[in-house]
Amino acid sequence: MENVKITLVKSLIARKPAQIATAKSFGFKRPGDSIVVANNEAVQGKIKVISHLVKVETV
């Protein structure tokens, strides 16, 4: 499995509760926060929910 780096690039203000909860499950608190996680189906599903708020790079 490869890893992906996910960076929150847009604010969570005025977003739907499901999108906020998904971002918080990654540990994001503010724009600019980044994490590196294993790329699997669960992570891909979460990325799909907040794809318009994050930048995804393979590592």
PDB file of N, CA and C in Angstrom:
ATOM      1  N   MET A   1       0.835  -1.185   0.000  1.00  0.00           N
ATOM      2  CA  MET A   1       0.000   0.000   0.000  1.00  0.00           C
ATOM      3  C   MET A   1       0.878   1.246   0.000  1.00  0.00           C
ATOM      4  N   GLU A   2       0.459   2.214  -0.755  1.00  0.00           N
ATOM      5  CA  GLU A   2       1.165   3.483  -0.755  1.00  0.00           C
ATOM      6  C   GLU A   2       0.494   4.433   0.218  1.00  0.00           C
ATOM      7  N   ASN A   3       1.196   5.478   0.563  1.00  0.00           N
ATOM      8  CA  ASN A   3       0.649   6.477   1.470  1.00  0.00           C
ATOM      9  C   ASN A   3       0.198   7.697   0.688  1.00  0.00           C
ATOM     10  N   VAL A   4      -0.728   8.448   1.265  1.00  0.00           N
ATOM     11  CA  VAL A   4      -1.168   9.700   0.674  1.00  0.00           C
ATOM     12  C   VAL A   4      -1.046  10.809   1.705  1.00  0.00           C
ATOM     13  N   LYS A   5      -0.660  11.985   1.240  1.00  0.00           N
ATOM     14  CA  LYS A   5      -0.601  13.167   2.090  1.00  0.00           C
ATOM     15  C   LYS A   5      -1.847  13.990   1.792  1.00  0.00           C
ATOM     16  N   ILE A   6      -2.622  14.272   2.827  1.00  0.00           N
ATOM     17  CA  ILE A   6      -3.856  15.018   2.683  1.00  0.00           C
ATOM     18  C   ILE A   6      -3.682  16.340   3.413  1.00  0.00           C
ATOM     19  N   THR A   7      -3.964  17.451   2.720  1.00  0.00           N
ATOM     20  CA  THR A   7      -3.839  18.782   3.298  1.00  0.00           C
ATOM     21  C   THR A   7      -5.172  19.499   3.198  1.00  0.00           C
ATOM     22  N   LEU A   8      -5.647  20.031   4.310  1.00  0.00           N
ATOM     23  CA  LEU A   8      -6.878  20.821   4.321  1.00  0.00           C
ATOM     24  C   LEU A   8      -6.542  22.203   3.777  1.00  0.00           C
ATOM     25  N   VAL A   9      -7.169  22.588   2.656  1.00  0.00           N
ATOM     26  CA  VAL A   9      -6.853  23.863   2.025  1.00  0.00           C
ATOM     27  C   VAL A   9      -7.968  24.886   2.163  1.00  0.00           C
ATOM     28  N   LYS A  10      -9.160  24.455   2.510  1.00  0.00           N
ATOM     29  CA  LYS A  10     -10.280  25.383   2.689  1.00  0.00           C
ATOM     30  C   LYS A  10     -10.818  25.260   4.102  1.00  0.00           C
ATOM     31  N   SER A  11     -11.456  26.316   4.566  1.00  0.00           N
ATOM     32  CA  SER A  11     -11.992  26.373   5.919  1.00  0.00           C
ATOM     33  C   SER A  11     -13.210  25.462   6.078  1.00  0.00           C
ATOM     34  N   LEU A  12     -13.464  25.062   7.319  1.00  0.00           N
ATOM     35  CA  LEU A  12     -14.634  24.240   7.628  1.00  0.00           C
ATOM     36  C   LEU A  12     -15.852  25.077   8.024  1.00  0.00           C
ATOM     37  N   ILE A  13     -15.699  26.399   8.035  1.00  0.00           N
ATOM     38  CA  ILE A  13     -16.818  27.278   8.389  1.00  0.00           C
ATOM     39  C   ILE A  13     -17.914  27.152   7.336  1.00  0.00           C
ATOM     40  N   ALA A  14     -19.146  27.030   7.804  1.00  0.00           N
ATOM     41  CA  ALA A  14     -20.355  26.957   6.965  1.00  0.00           C
ATOM     42  C   ALA A  14     -20.388  25.708   6.090  1.00  0.00           C
ATOM     43  N   ARG A  15     -19.783  24.624   6.539  1.00  0.00           N
ATOM     44  CA  ARG A  15     -19.829  23.345   5.818  1.00  0.00           C
ATOM     45  C   ARG A  15     -20.874  22.450   6.458  1.00  0.00           C
ATOM     46  N   LYS A  16     -21.305  21.439   5.735  1.00  0.00           N
ATOM     47  CA  LYS A  16     -22.289  20.492   6.260  1.00  0.00           C
ATOM     48  C   LYS A  16     -21.681  19.700   7.410  1.00  0.00           C
ATOM     49  N   PRO A  17     -22.510  19.313   8.385  1.00  0.00           N
ATOM     50  CA  PRO A  17     -22.002  18.569   9.547  1.00  0.00           C
ATOM     51  C   PRO A  17     -21.232  17.297   9.171  1.00  0.00           C
ATOM     52  N   ALA A  18     -21.656  16.599   8.138  1.00  0.00           N
ATOM     53  CA  ALA A  18     -20.956  15.376   7.730  1.00  0.00           C
ATOM     54  C   ALA A  18     -19.553  15.696   7.220  1.00  0.00           C
ATOM     55  N   GLN A  19     -19.397  16.821   6.526  1.00  0.00           N
ATOM     56  CA  GLN A  19     -18.081  17.210   6.018  1.00  0.00           C
ATOM     57  C   GLN A  19     -17.170  17.623   7.168  1.00  0.00           C
ATOM     58  N   ILE A  20     -17.720  18.345   8.142  1.00  0.00           N
ATOM     59  CA  ILE A  20     -16.930  18.747   9.307  1.00  0.00           C
ATOM     60  C   ILE A  20     -16.481  17.513  10.090  1.00  0.00           C
ATOM     61  N   ALA A  21     -17.400  16.570  10.278  1.00  0.00           N
ATOM     62  CA  ALA A  21     -17.075  15.352  11.024  1.00  0.00           C
ATOM     63  C   ALA A  21     -16.000  14.539  10.310  1.00  0.00           C
ATOM     64  N   THR A  22     -16.066  14.469   8.990  1.00  0.00           N
ATOM     65  CA  THR A  22     -15.059  13.734   8.221  1.00  0.00           C
ATOM     66  C   THR A  22     -13.688  14.396   8.358  1.00  0.00           C
ATOM     67  N   ALA A  23     -13.646  15.715   8.272  1.00  0.00           N
ATOM     68  CA  ALA A  23     -12.377  16.430   8.426  1.00  0.00           C
ATOM     69  C   ALA A  23     -11.819  16.234   9.830  1.00  0.00           C
ATOM     70  N   LYS A  24     -12.674  16.277  10.840  1.00  0.00           N
ATOM     71  CA  LYS A  24     -12.222  16.082  12.222  1.00  0.00           C
ATOM     72  C   LYS A  24     -11.718  14.648  12.428  1.00  0.00           C
ATOM     73  N   SER A  25     -12.303  13.681  11.704  1.00  0.00           N
ATOM     74  CA  SER A  25     -11.844  12.293  11.851  1.00  0.00           C
ATOM     75  C   SER A  25     -10.411  12.120  11.338  1.00  0.00           C
ATOM     76  N   PHE A  26     -10.006  12.974  10.402  1.00  0.00           N
ATOM     77  CA  PHE A  26      -8.615  12.987   9.944  1.00  0.00           C
ATOM     78  C   PHE A  26      -7.727  13.750  10.920  1.00  0.00           C
ATOM     79  N   GLY A  27      -8.320  14.535  11.817  1.00  0.00           N
ATOM     80  CA  GLY A  27      -7.558  15.317  12.778  1.00  0.00           C
ATOM     81  C   GLY A  27      -7.320  16.751  12.333  1.00  0.00           C
ATOM     82  N   PHE A  28      -8.012  17.197  11.282  1.00  0.00           N
ATOM     83  CA  PHE A  28      -7.848  18.564  10.798  1.00  0.00           C
ATOM     84  C   PHE A  28      -8.571  19.543  11.716  1.00  0.00           C
ATOM     85  N   LYS A  29      -7.896  20.653  12.020  1.00  0.00           N
ATOM     86  CA  LYS A  29      -8.493  21.705  12.833  1.00  0.00           C
ATOM     87  C   LYS A  29      -8.550  23.024  12.089  1.00  0.00           C
ATOM     88  N   ARG A  30      -7.550  23.294  11.250  1.00  0.00           N
ATOM     89  CA  ARG A  30      -7.509  24.575  10.535  1.00  0.00           C
ATOM     90  C   ARG A  30      -6.878  24.359   9.156  1.00  0.00           C
ATOM     91  N   PRO A  31      -7.159  25.252   8.214  1.00  0.00           N
ATOM     92  CA  PRO A  31      -6.534  25.136   6.895  1.00  0.00           C
ATOM     93  C   PRO A  31      -5.016  25.115   7.009  1.00  0.00           C
ATOM     94  N   GLY A  32      -4.405  24.263   6.227  1.00  0.00           N
ATOM     95  CA  GLY A  32      -2.954  24.102   6.264  1.00  0.00           C
ATOM     96  C   GLY A  32      -2.517  22.860   7.012  1.00  0.00           C
ATOM     97  N   ASP A  33      -3.410  22.257   7.804  1.00  0.00           N
ATOM     98  CA  ASP A  33      -3.083  21.019   8.508  1.00  0.00           C
ATOM     99  C   ASP A  33      -2.901  19.887   7.495  1.00  0.00           C
ATOM    100  N   SER A  34      -1.893  19.048   7.716  1.00  0.00           N
ATOM    101  CA  SER A  34      -1.604  17.926   6.818  1.00  0.00           C
ATOM    102  C   SER A  34      -1.412  16.647   7.613  1.00  0.00           C
ATOM    103  N   ILE A  35      -1.733  15.517   6.972  1.00  0.00           N
ATOM    104  CA  ILE A  35      -1.473  14.204   7.549  1.00  0.00           C
ATOM    105  C   ILE A  35      -1.030  13.271   6.440  1.00  0.00           C
ATOM    106  N   VAL A  36      -0.330  12.222   6.820  1.00  0.00           N
ATOM    107  CA  VAL A  36       0.042  11.160   5.884  1.00  0.00           C
ATOM    108  C   VAL A  36      -0.605   9.884   6.390  1.00  0.00           C
ATOM    109  N   VAL A  37      -1.401   9.238   5.542  1.00  0.00           N
ATOM    110  CA  VAL A  37      -2.119   8.021   5.917  1.00  0.00           C
ATOM    111  C   VAL A  37      -1.953   6.969   4.831  1.00  0.00           C
ATOM    112  N   ALA A  38      -2.210   5.718   5.200  1.00  0.00           N
ATOM    113  CA  ALA A  38      -2.184   4.632   4.224  1.00  0.00           C
ATOM    114  C   ALA A  38      -3.372   4.778   3.290  1.00  0.00           C
ATOM    115  N   ASN A  39      -3.144   4.534   2.021  1.00  0.00           N
ATOM    116  CA  ASN A  39      -4.198   4.671   1.020  1.00  0.00           C
ATOM    117  C   ASN A  39      -5.003   3.375   0.952  1.00  0.00           C
ATOM    118  N   ASN A  40      -6.220   3.417   1.478  1.00  0.00           N
ATOM    119  CA  ASN A  40      -7.108   2.262   1.401  1.00  0.00           C
ATOM    120  C   ASN A  40      -8.517   2.735   1.056  1.00  0.00           C
ATOM    121  N   GLU A  41      -9.459   1.813   0.950  1.00  0.00           N
ATOM    122  CA  GLU A  41     -10.805   2.169   0.524  1.00  0.00           C
ATOM    123  C   GLU A  41     -11.512   3.086   1.513  1.00  0.00           C
ATOM    124  N   ALA A  42     -11.292   2.888   2.802  1.00  0.00           N
ATOM    125  CA  ALA A  42     -11.928   3.732   3.817  1.00  0.00           C
ATOM    126  C   ALA A  42     -11.442   5.175   3.691  1.00  0.00           C
ATOM    127  N   VAL A  43     -10.153   5.339   3.507  1.00  0.00           N
ATOM    128  CA  VAL A  43      -9.586   6.680   3.360  1.00  0.00           C
ATOM    129  C   VAL A  43     -10.076   7.317   2.066  1.00  0.00           C
ATOM    130  N   GLN A  44     -10.137   6.545   0.984  1.00  0.00           N
ATOM    131  CA  GLN A  44     -10.619   7.076  -0.287  1.00  0.00           C
ATOM    132  C   GLN A  44     -12.069   7.554  -0.177  1.00  0.00           C
ATOM    133  N   GLY A  45     -12.892   6.836   0.587  1.00  0.00           N
ATOM    134  CA  GLY A  45     -14.280   7.252   0.803  1.00  0.00           C
ATOM    135  C   GLY A  45     -14.357   8.558   1.565  1.00  0.00           C
ATOM    136  N   LYS A  46     -13.510   8.718   2.586  1.00  0.00           N
ATOM    137  CA  LYS A  46     -13.486   9.967   3.352  1.00  0.00           C
ATOM    138  C   LYS A  46     -13.017  11.126   2.477  1.00  0.00           C
ATOM    139  N   ILE A  47     -12.008  10.877   1.651  1.00  0.00           N
ATOM    140  CA  ILE A  47     -11.502  11.923   0.757  1.00  0.00           C
ATOM    141  C   ILE A  47     -12.591  12.360  -0.207  1.00  0.00           C
ATOM    142  N   LYS A  48     -13.384  11.423  -0.678  1.00  0.00           N
ATOM    143  CA  LYS A  48     -14.459  11.746  -1.623  1.00  0.00           C
ATOM    144  C   LYS A  48     -15.473  12.708  -1.010  1.00  0.00           C
ATOM    145  N   VAL A  49     -15.750  12.551   0.300  1.00  0.00           N
ATOM    146  CA  VAL A  49     -16.723  13.405   0.984  1.00  0.00           C
ATOM    147  C   VAL A  49     -16.223  14.850   1.058  1.00  0.00           C
ATOM    148  N   ILE A  50     -14.915  15.029   1.264  1.00  0.00           N
ATOM    149  CA  ILE A  50     -14.376  16.385   1.433  1.00  0.00           C
ATOM    150  C   ILE A  50     -13.372  16.737   0.331  1.00  0.00           C
ATOM    151  N   SER A  51     -13.558  16.176  -0.849  1.00  0.00           N
ATOM    152  CA  SER A  51     -12.589  16.372  -1.931  1.00  0.00           C
ATOM    153  C   SER A  51     -12.437  17.835  -2.339  1.00  0.00           C
ATOM    154  N   HIS A  52     -13.491  18.630  -2.168  1.00  0.00           N
ATOM    155  CA  HIS A  52     -13.433  20.036  -2.543  1.00  0.00           C
ATOM    156  C   HIS A  52     -12.738  20.894  -1.474  1.00  0.00           C
ATOM    157  N   LEU A  53     -12.381  20.300  -0.344  1.00  0.00           N
ATOM    158  CA  LEU A  53     -11.739  21.026   0.755  1.00  0.00           C
ATOM    159  C   LEU A  53     -10.270  20.656   0.934  1.00  0.00           C
ATOM    160  N   VAL A  54      -9.825  19.567   0.302  1.00  0.00           N
ATOM    161  CA  VAL A  54      -8.482  19.057   0.544  1.00  0.00           C
ATOM    162  C   VAL A  54      -7.672  18.940  -0.735  1.00  0.00           C
ATOM    163  N   LYS A  55      -6.350  18.838  -0.533  1.00  0.00           N
ATOM    164  CA  LYS A  55      -5.419  18.529  -1.622  1.00  0.00           C
ATOM    165  C   LYS A  55      -4.787  17.193  -1.275  1.00  0.00           C
ATOM    166  N   VAL A  56      -4.746  16.271  -2.240  1.00  0.00           N
ATOM    167  CA  VAL A  56      -4.241  14.931  -2.003  1.00  0.00           C
ATOM    168  C   VAL A  56      -3.025  14.688  -2.880  1.00  0.00           C
ATOM    169  N   GLU A  57      -1.932  14.194  -2.257  1.00  0.00           N
ATOM    170  CA  GLU A  57      -0.706  13.869  -2.981  1.00  0.00           C
ATOM    171  C   GLU A  57      -0.261  12.476  -2.581  1.00  0.00           C
ATOM    172  N   THR A  58       0.278  11.706  -3.520  1.00  0.00           N
ATOM    173  CA  THR A  58       0.843  10.404  -3.175  1.00  0.00           C
ATOM    174  C   THR A  58       2.244  10.608  -2.635  1.00  0.00           C
ATOM    175  N   VAL A  59       2.588   9.802  -1.636  1.00  0.00           N
ATOM    176  CA  VAL A  59       3.906   9.933  -1.002  1.00  0.00           C
ATOM    177  C   VAL A  59       4.661   8.629  -1.167  1.00  0.00           C
TER     178      VAL A  59
END
